[in-house]
Amino acid sequence: MFVKAATVLAVAAQLGALFASATPIAEPAPVLGKREAGYVGSCDRSTLVLDQFAQQGMAILKGTCFTATGQKRNSRLNLNHCLGNVQGVFKYVKDGNFSGSCNGFTTRLGTASTSGQEYCVACYTSNGGTNSLNCIDL
């Protein structure tokens, strides 16, 4: 197929004019900054519990948390989205889905030495063994 150079230039000029007259897209809503102590730091710690009735077992943290404007809101956090089991060691891993490879009967929620909230669980290694209790500061 043969296209004349003049035709290509005319189309390019029309596209340029179109883009020059286009209304700019509004700026996206600002992303909230990280709050001190993360998710747990934005919640009333006395209300935080593990949801033992959730399908994901003891991987759901729930409680009363505060929005950026200070409003109270019931909140749930699926820890499978931020924690993983790496050879029996509990680590921060995006969509780590740890709960299927850790022993849910060992799960506990407590106060961390760093003044945060800690989540502890024993996780399996690839050879089927179980490491001792791993704790991670939420």
Protein backbone atom coordinates (compact mmCIF):
# COMPACT_ATOMS: atom_id res chain seq x y z
CA MET A 1 0.00 0.00 0.00
CA PHE A 2 1.35 3.39 -1.02
CA VAL A 3 0.58 6.48 1.12
CA LYS A 4 1.47 9.96 -0.09
CA ALA A 5 3.76 11.99 2.15
CA ALA A 6 1.34 14.92 1.92
CA THR A 7 -1.46 12.75 3.36
CA VAL A 8 0.72 11.65 6.27
CA LEU A 9 1.70 15.26 7.00
CA ALA A 10 -1.94 16.39 6.87
CA VAL A 11 -3.01 13.68 9.34
CA ALA A 12 -0.08 14.54 11.64
CA ALA A 13 -1.08 18.22 11.58
CA GLN A 14 -4.69 17.38 12.43
CA LEU A 15 -3.60 15.16 15.33
CA GLY A 16 -1.28 17.88 16.61
CA ALA A 17 -4.12 20.40 16.57
CA LEU A 18 -6.40 17.93 18.33
CA PHE A 19 -3.90 17.26 21.11
CA ALA A 20 -3.10 20.96 21.51
CA SER A 21 -6.78 21.80 22.07
CA ALA A 22 -7.53 18.87 24.38
CA THR A 23 -8.53 19.58 27.97
CA PRO A 24 -5.91 18.27 30.38
CA ILE A 25 -6.89 15.41 32.65
CA ALA A 26 -7.46 16.47 36.23
CA GLU A 27 -4.76 15.53 38.69
CA PRO A 28 -5.50 12.24 40.46
CA ALA A 29 -6.50 12.34 44.10
CA PRO A 30 -3.45 12.61 46.34
CA VAL A 31 -2.21 9.38 47.83
CA LEU A 32 -2.35 9.33 51.60
CA GLY A 33 1.07 9.40 53.16
CA LYS A 34 2.26 6.51 55.28
CA ARG A 35 1.01 6.91 58.80
CA GLU A 36 3.31 6.35 61.74
CA ALA A 37 3.12 2.65 62.70
CA GLY A 38 1.23 1.84 59.47
CA TYR A 39 -2.19 0.22 59.53
CA VAL A 40 -2.08 -0.57 63.23
CA GLY A 41 -1.10 3.00 64.04
CA SER A 42 -4.33 4.25 62.49
CA CYS A 43 -6.49 1.95 64.63
CA ASP A 44 -7.73 1.77 68.20
CA ARG A 45 -5.41 -1.05 69.33
CA SER A 46 -7.82 -2.19 72.04
CA THR A 47 -10.26 -3.22 69.27
CA LEU A 48 -7.79 -5.18 67.08
CA VAL A 49 -8.48 -8.91 66.96
CA LEU A 50 -7.92 -11.81 64.59
CA ASP A 51 -11.09 -12.83 62.78
CA GLN A 52 -11.18 -16.53 63.57
CA PHE A 53 -14.34 -17.00 61.53
CA ALA A 54 -12.97 -15.63 58.25
CA GLN A 55 -12.36 -18.02 55.33
CA GLN A 56 -8.66 -17.16 55.42
CA GLY A 57 -8.43 -18.45 58.98
CA MET A 58 -6.46 -16.32 61.36
CA ALA A 59 -5.04 -14.08 58.62
CA ILE A 60 -7.70 -11.35 58.91
CA LEU A 61 -7.04 -8.51 61.33
CA LYS A 62 -10.12 -6.47 62.22
CA GLY A 63 -10.88 -3.52 64.45
CA THR A 64 -11.95 0.09 64.64
CA CYS A 65 -9.66 2.38 62.67
CA PHE A 66 -9.64 6.04 61.75
CA THR A 67 -9.83 7.62 58.31
CA ALA A 68 -7.50 10.45 57.28
CA THR A 69 -10.21 12.89 58.45
CA GLY A 70 -10.49 11.23 61.88
CA GLN A 71 -13.76 9.35 61.29
CA LYS A 72 -14.08 5.93 62.98
CA ARG A 73 -14.59 3.00 60.66
CA ASN A 74 -14.76 -0.77 61.13
CA SER A 75 -11.85 -2.15 59.17
CA ARG A 76 -10.47 -5.51 58.04
CA LEU A 77 -7.00 -6.26 56.71
CA ASN A 78 -6.21 -9.55 54.99
CA LEU A 79 -2.60 -10.14 56.04
CA ASN A 80 -2.17 -12.55 53.10
CA HIS A 81 -1.84 -9.42 50.94
CA CYS A 82 1.28 -8.20 52.78
CA LEU A 83 2.95 -11.18 54.51
CA GLY A 84 4.55 -14.35 53.18
CA ASN A 85 6.32 -17.53 54.26
CA VAL A 86 9.86 -17.67 52.85
CA GLN A 87 11.34 -21.06 53.81
CA GLY A 88 9.63 -21.05 57.20
CA VAL A 89 10.44 -17.41 57.93
CA PHE A 90 7.64 -14.87 58.13
CA LYS A 91 8.40 -11.80 55.96
CA TYR A 92 6.77 -8.77 54.38
CA VAL A 93 5.86 -9.98 50.87
CA LYS A 94 3.26 -8.37 48.62
CA ASP A 95 0.48 -10.95 48.08
CA GLY A 96 2.60 -13.51 49.97
CA ASN A 97 -0.45 -15.66 50.89
CA PHE A 98 1.29 -17.11 53.93
CA SER A 99 -1.75 -18.61 55.66
CA GLY A 100 -1.83 -21.81 53.61
CA SER A 101 1.76 -22.65 54.56
CA CYS A 102 1.71 -21.73 58.25
CA ASN A 103 0.14 -23.41 61.26
CA GLY A 104 -2.99 -21.42 62.09
CA PHE A 105 -3.22 -23.01 65.54
CA THR A 106 -0.01 -21.20 66.56
CA THR A 107 -1.25 -17.74 65.54
CA ARG A 108 -1.30 -14.97 68.10
CA LEU A 109 -1.59 -11.20 68.18
CA GLY A 110 0.33 -9.27 70.83
CA THR A 111 2.15 -6.08 71.70
CA ALA A 112 5.52 -5.72 70.00
CA SER A 113 8.61 -4.51 71.79
CA THR A 114 8.74 -1.61 69.31
CA SER A 115 5.43 -0.29 70.70
CA GLY A 116 3.50 -1.65 67.75
CA GLN A 117 1.32 -4.70 67.34
CA GLU A 118 2.94 -8.01 66.49
CA TYR A 119 1.52 -11.00 64.68
CA CYS A 120 3.10 -14.38 65.35
CA VAL A 121 2.74 -17.76 63.64
CA ALA A 122 4.84 -20.88 63.02
CA CYS A 123 5.40 -21.50 59.30
CA TYR A 124 6.37 -24.65 57.40
CA THR A 125 9.56 -25.05 55.40
CA SER A 126 9.63 -26.57 51.92
CA ASN A 127 10.61 -29.97 53.37
CA GLY A 128 7.50 -29.98 55.60
CA GLY A 129 9.20 -29.05 58.86
CA THR A 130 7.86 -26.28 61.05
CA ASN A 131 10.01 -23.40 62.22
CA SER A 132 9.50 -21.98 65.67
CA LEU A 133 7.13 -19.11 66.19
CA ASN A 134 7.92 -16.14 63.90
CA CYS A 135 6.72 -12.69 64.90
CA ILE A 136 6.46 -9.61 62.72
CA ASP A 137 5.69 -6.05 63.80
CA LEU A 138 2.57 -4.81 62.05
